[in-house]
Amino acid sequence: MLSIPADKLKELLDADGTVTADAFDAALKESARMGGDVSETLIARNTITQKYYFDLLAKIYHREKTENN
């Protein structure tokens, strides 16, 4: 599965005001403790939606979204 590196994701979310740096760092710490990806933690916490994350993936990797996303 494609993912966005944590530092890039933090930069994007902070730049658009979606997540503060402190909130992202807390999610990153929890994801490390749980052995998962920070994006999964942010989605599970309803901080971002899965659709929002997929939109970021499409933007970062310059891919067209499909109807399933």
N, C-alpha and C. Protein backbone atom coordinates (compact mmCIF):
# COMPACT_ATOMS: atom_id res chain seq x y z
N MET A 1 0.85 -1.19 0.00
CA MET A 1 0.00 0.00 0.00
C MET A 1 0.88 1.24 0.00
N LEU A 2 0.51 2.20 -0.80
CA LEU A 2 1.23 3.47 -0.82
C LEU A 2 1.01 4.21 0.49
N SER A 3 2.02 4.93 0.91
CA SER A 3 1.86 5.78 2.08
C SER A 3 2.67 7.05 1.87
N ILE A 4 2.35 8.02 2.67
CA ILE A 4 3.06 9.30 2.64
C ILE A 4 4.03 9.29 3.81
N PRO A 5 5.30 9.57 3.58
CA PRO A 5 6.25 9.61 4.70
C PRO A 5 5.75 10.56 5.79
N ALA A 6 5.97 10.18 7.04
CA ALA A 6 5.43 10.93 8.18
C ALA A 6 5.81 12.40 8.15
N ASP A 7 7.05 12.72 7.82
CA ASP A 7 7.45 14.13 7.81
C ASP A 7 6.72 14.93 6.74
N LYS A 8 6.49 14.30 5.58
CA LYS A 8 5.75 14.98 4.50
C LYS A 8 4.27 15.13 4.88
N LEU A 9 3.70 14.08 5.47
CA LEU A 9 2.30 14.14 5.90
C LEU A 9 2.11 15.23 6.94
N LYS A 10 3.03 15.31 7.88
CA LYS A 10 2.96 16.35 8.92
C LYS A 10 3.00 17.74 8.29
N GLU A 11 3.89 17.92 7.34
CA GLU A 11 4.03 19.20 6.65
C GLU A 11 2.73 19.58 5.93
N LEU A 12 2.14 18.63 5.21
CA LEU A 12 0.91 18.89 4.47
C LEU A 12 -0.26 19.22 5.39
N LEU A 13 -0.42 18.43 6.45
CA LEU A 13 -1.54 18.64 7.36
C LEU A 13 -1.41 19.93 8.16
N ASP A 14 -0.18 20.25 8.54
CA ASP A 14 0.06 21.49 9.28
C ASP A 14 -0.15 22.70 8.37
N ALA A 15 0.29 22.59 7.12
CA ALA A 15 0.17 23.71 6.17
C ALA A 15 -1.27 24.08 5.89
N ASP A 16 -2.15 23.08 5.81
CA ASP A 16 -3.54 23.41 5.52
C ASP A 16 -4.40 23.56 6.77
N GLY A 17 -3.76 23.46 7.95
CA GLY A 17 -4.47 23.69 9.21
C GLY A 17 -5.32 22.52 9.66
N THR A 18 -5.15 21.36 9.05
CA THR A 18 -5.95 20.20 9.41
C THR A 18 -5.55 19.64 10.77
N VAL A 19 -4.24 19.58 11.02
CA VAL A 19 -3.71 19.01 12.26
C VAL A 19 -2.56 19.87 12.74
N THR A 20 -2.55 20.17 14.02
CA THR A 20 -1.41 20.92 14.57
C THR A 20 -0.21 20.00 14.68
N ALA A 21 0.96 20.58 14.76
CA ALA A 21 2.18 19.80 14.91
C ALA A 21 2.14 18.95 16.17
N ASP A 22 1.63 19.50 17.26
CA ASP A 22 1.54 18.75 18.52
C ASP A 22 0.60 17.56 18.40
N ALA A 23 -0.56 17.75 17.76
CA ALA A 23 -1.52 16.66 17.58
C ALA A 23 -0.94 15.58 16.68
N PHE A 24 -0.21 15.99 15.66
CA PHE A 24 0.41 15.02 14.77
C PHE A 24 1.47 14.22 15.53
N ASP A 25 2.28 14.90 16.32
CA ASP A 25 3.32 14.22 17.09
C ASP A 25 2.72 13.21 18.06
N ALA A 26 1.59 13.54 18.66
CA ALA A 26 0.92 12.61 19.57
C ALA A 26 0.42 11.39 18.81
N ALA A 27 -0.13 11.59 17.62
CA ALA A 27 -0.60 10.48 16.79
C ALA A 27 0.58 9.63 16.33
N LEU A 28 1.68 10.27 16.01
CA LEU A 28 2.89 9.55 15.59
C LEU A 28 3.42 8.68 16.71
N LYS A 29 3.43 9.23 17.91
CA LYS A 29 3.88 8.46 19.07
C LYS A 29 2.98 7.25 19.32
N GLU A 30 1.67 7.45 19.22
CA GLU A 30 0.74 6.34 19.41
C GLU A 30 0.89 5.29 18.32
N SER A 31 1.08 5.73 17.08
CA SER A 31 1.23 4.77 15.99
C SER A 31 2.50 3.94 16.16
N ALA A 32 3.56 4.55 16.65
CA ALA A 32 4.79 3.80 16.91
C ALA A 32 4.57 2.77 18.01
N ARG A 33 3.84 3.15 19.03
CA ARG A 33 3.54 2.24 20.14
C ARG A 33 2.70 1.07 19.68
N MET A 34 1.76 1.34 18.76
CA MET A 34 0.85 0.31 18.28
C MET A 34 1.43 -0.48 17.09
N GLY A 35 2.53 0.01 16.54
CA GLY A 35 3.14 -0.67 15.41
C GLY A 35 2.45 -0.43 14.09
N GLY A 36 1.77 0.70 13.98
CA GLY A 36 1.05 1.02 12.75
C GLY A 36 1.58 2.28 12.10
N ASP A 37 0.89 2.68 11.05
CA ASP A 37 1.25 3.89 10.33
C ASP A 37 0.49 5.08 10.94
N VAL A 38 1.13 6.23 10.96
CA VAL A 38 0.50 7.40 11.55
C VAL A 38 -0.80 7.77 10.83
N SER A 39 -0.87 7.51 9.53
CA SER A 39 -2.11 7.81 8.80
C SER A 39 -3.28 6.98 9.34
N GLU A 40 -3.01 5.72 9.68
CA GLU A 40 -4.06 4.86 10.25
C GLU A 40 -4.55 5.41 11.58
N THR A 41 -3.62 5.90 12.38
CA THR A 41 -3.98 6.48 13.68
C THR A 41 -4.81 7.74 13.50
N LEU A 42 -4.42 8.59 12.57
CA LEU A 42 -5.17 9.83 12.32
C LEU A 42 -6.58 9.53 11.82
N ILE A 43 -6.70 8.51 10.98
CA ILE A 43 -8.02 8.12 10.48
C ILE A 43 -8.85 7.50 11.60
N ALA A 44 -8.24 6.64 12.40
CA ALA A 44 -8.96 6.00 13.51
C ALA A 44 -9.45 7.02 14.52
N ARG A 45 -8.70 8.08 14.72
CA ARG A 45 -9.09 9.15 15.65
C ARG A 45 -10.08 10.13 15.03
N ASN A 46 -10.43 9.91 13.78
CA ASN A 46 -11.30 10.83 13.03
C ASN A 46 -10.70 12.22 12.89
N THR A 47 -9.39 12.28 12.92
CA THR A 47 -8.69 13.54 12.71
C THR A 47 -8.73 13.90 11.23
N ILE A 48 -8.54 12.88 10.39
CA ILE A 48 -8.71 13.02 8.95
C ILE A 48 -9.57 11.85 8.48
N THR A 49 -10.19 12.00 7.34
CA THR A 49 -10.98 10.91 6.79
C THR A 49 -10.10 10.09 5.84
N GLN A 50 -10.56 8.88 5.58
CA GLN A 50 -9.84 8.04 4.64
C GLN A 50 -9.84 8.69 3.25
N LYS A 51 -10.96 9.28 2.87
CA LYS A 51 -11.05 9.96 1.57
C LYS A 51 -10.03 11.09 1.49
N TYR A 52 -9.91 11.88 2.55
CA TYR A 52 -8.95 12.98 2.57
C TYR A 52 -7.54 12.44 2.38
N TYR A 53 -7.22 11.33 3.07
CA TYR A 53 -5.90 10.73 2.95
C TYR A 53 -5.66 10.23 1.53
N PHE A 54 -6.66 9.58 0.93
CA PHE A 54 -6.52 9.11 -0.44
C PHE A 54 -6.34 10.27 -1.41
N ASP A 55 -7.02 11.38 -1.15
CA ASP A 55 -6.83 12.57 -1.98
C ASP A 55 -5.39 13.07 -1.90
N LEU A 56 -4.82 13.07 -0.69
CA LEU A 56 -3.42 13.46 -0.52
C LEU A 56 -2.49 12.51 -1.27
N LEU A 57 -2.77 11.20 -1.15
CA LEU A 57 -1.95 10.22 -1.88
C LEU A 57 -1.98 10.49 -3.38
N ALA A 58 -3.17 10.75 -3.92
CA ALA A 58 -3.30 11.03 -5.34
C ALA A 58 -2.51 12.27 -5.72
N LYS A 59 -2.55 13.27 -4.87
CA LYS A 59 -1.83 14.52 -5.14
C LYS A 59 -0.32 14.28 -5.10
N ILE A 60 0.15 13.58 -4.07
CA ILE A 60 1.58 13.34 -3.89
C ILE A 60 2.15 12.47 -5.01
N TYR A 61 1.43 11.42 -5.36
CA TYR A 61 1.93 10.48 -6.35
C TYR A 61 1.40 10.75 -7.76
N HIS A 62 0.72 11.88 -7.93
CA HIS A 62 0.22 12.33 -9.24
C HIS A 62 -0.59 11.25 -9.95
N ARG A 63 -1.54 10.71 -9.22
CA ARG A 63 -2.39 9.66 -9.76
C ARG A 63 -3.83 10.13 -9.80
N GLU A 64 -4.56 9.63 -10.76
CA GLU A 64 -5.99 9.89 -10.83
C GLU A 64 -6.69 9.04 -9.77
N LYS A 65 -7.68 9.62 -9.14
CA LYS A 65 -8.50 8.86 -8.19
C LYS A 65 -9.48 8.01 -8.98
N THR A 66 -9.80 6.85 -8.43
CA THR A 66 -10.81 6.01 -9.04
C THR A 66 -12.13 6.25 -8.34
N GLU A 67 -13.21 5.74 -8.89
CA GLU A 67 -14.52 5.92 -8.27
C GLU A 67 -14.59 5.25 -6.91
N ASN A 68 -13.79 4.22 -6.66
CA ASN A 68 -13.81 3.53 -5.38
C ASN A 68 -13.18 4.35 -4.27
N ASN A 69 -12.42 5.36 -4.62
CA ASN A 69 -11.73 6.16 -3.60
C ASN A 69 -12.54 7.37 -3.30
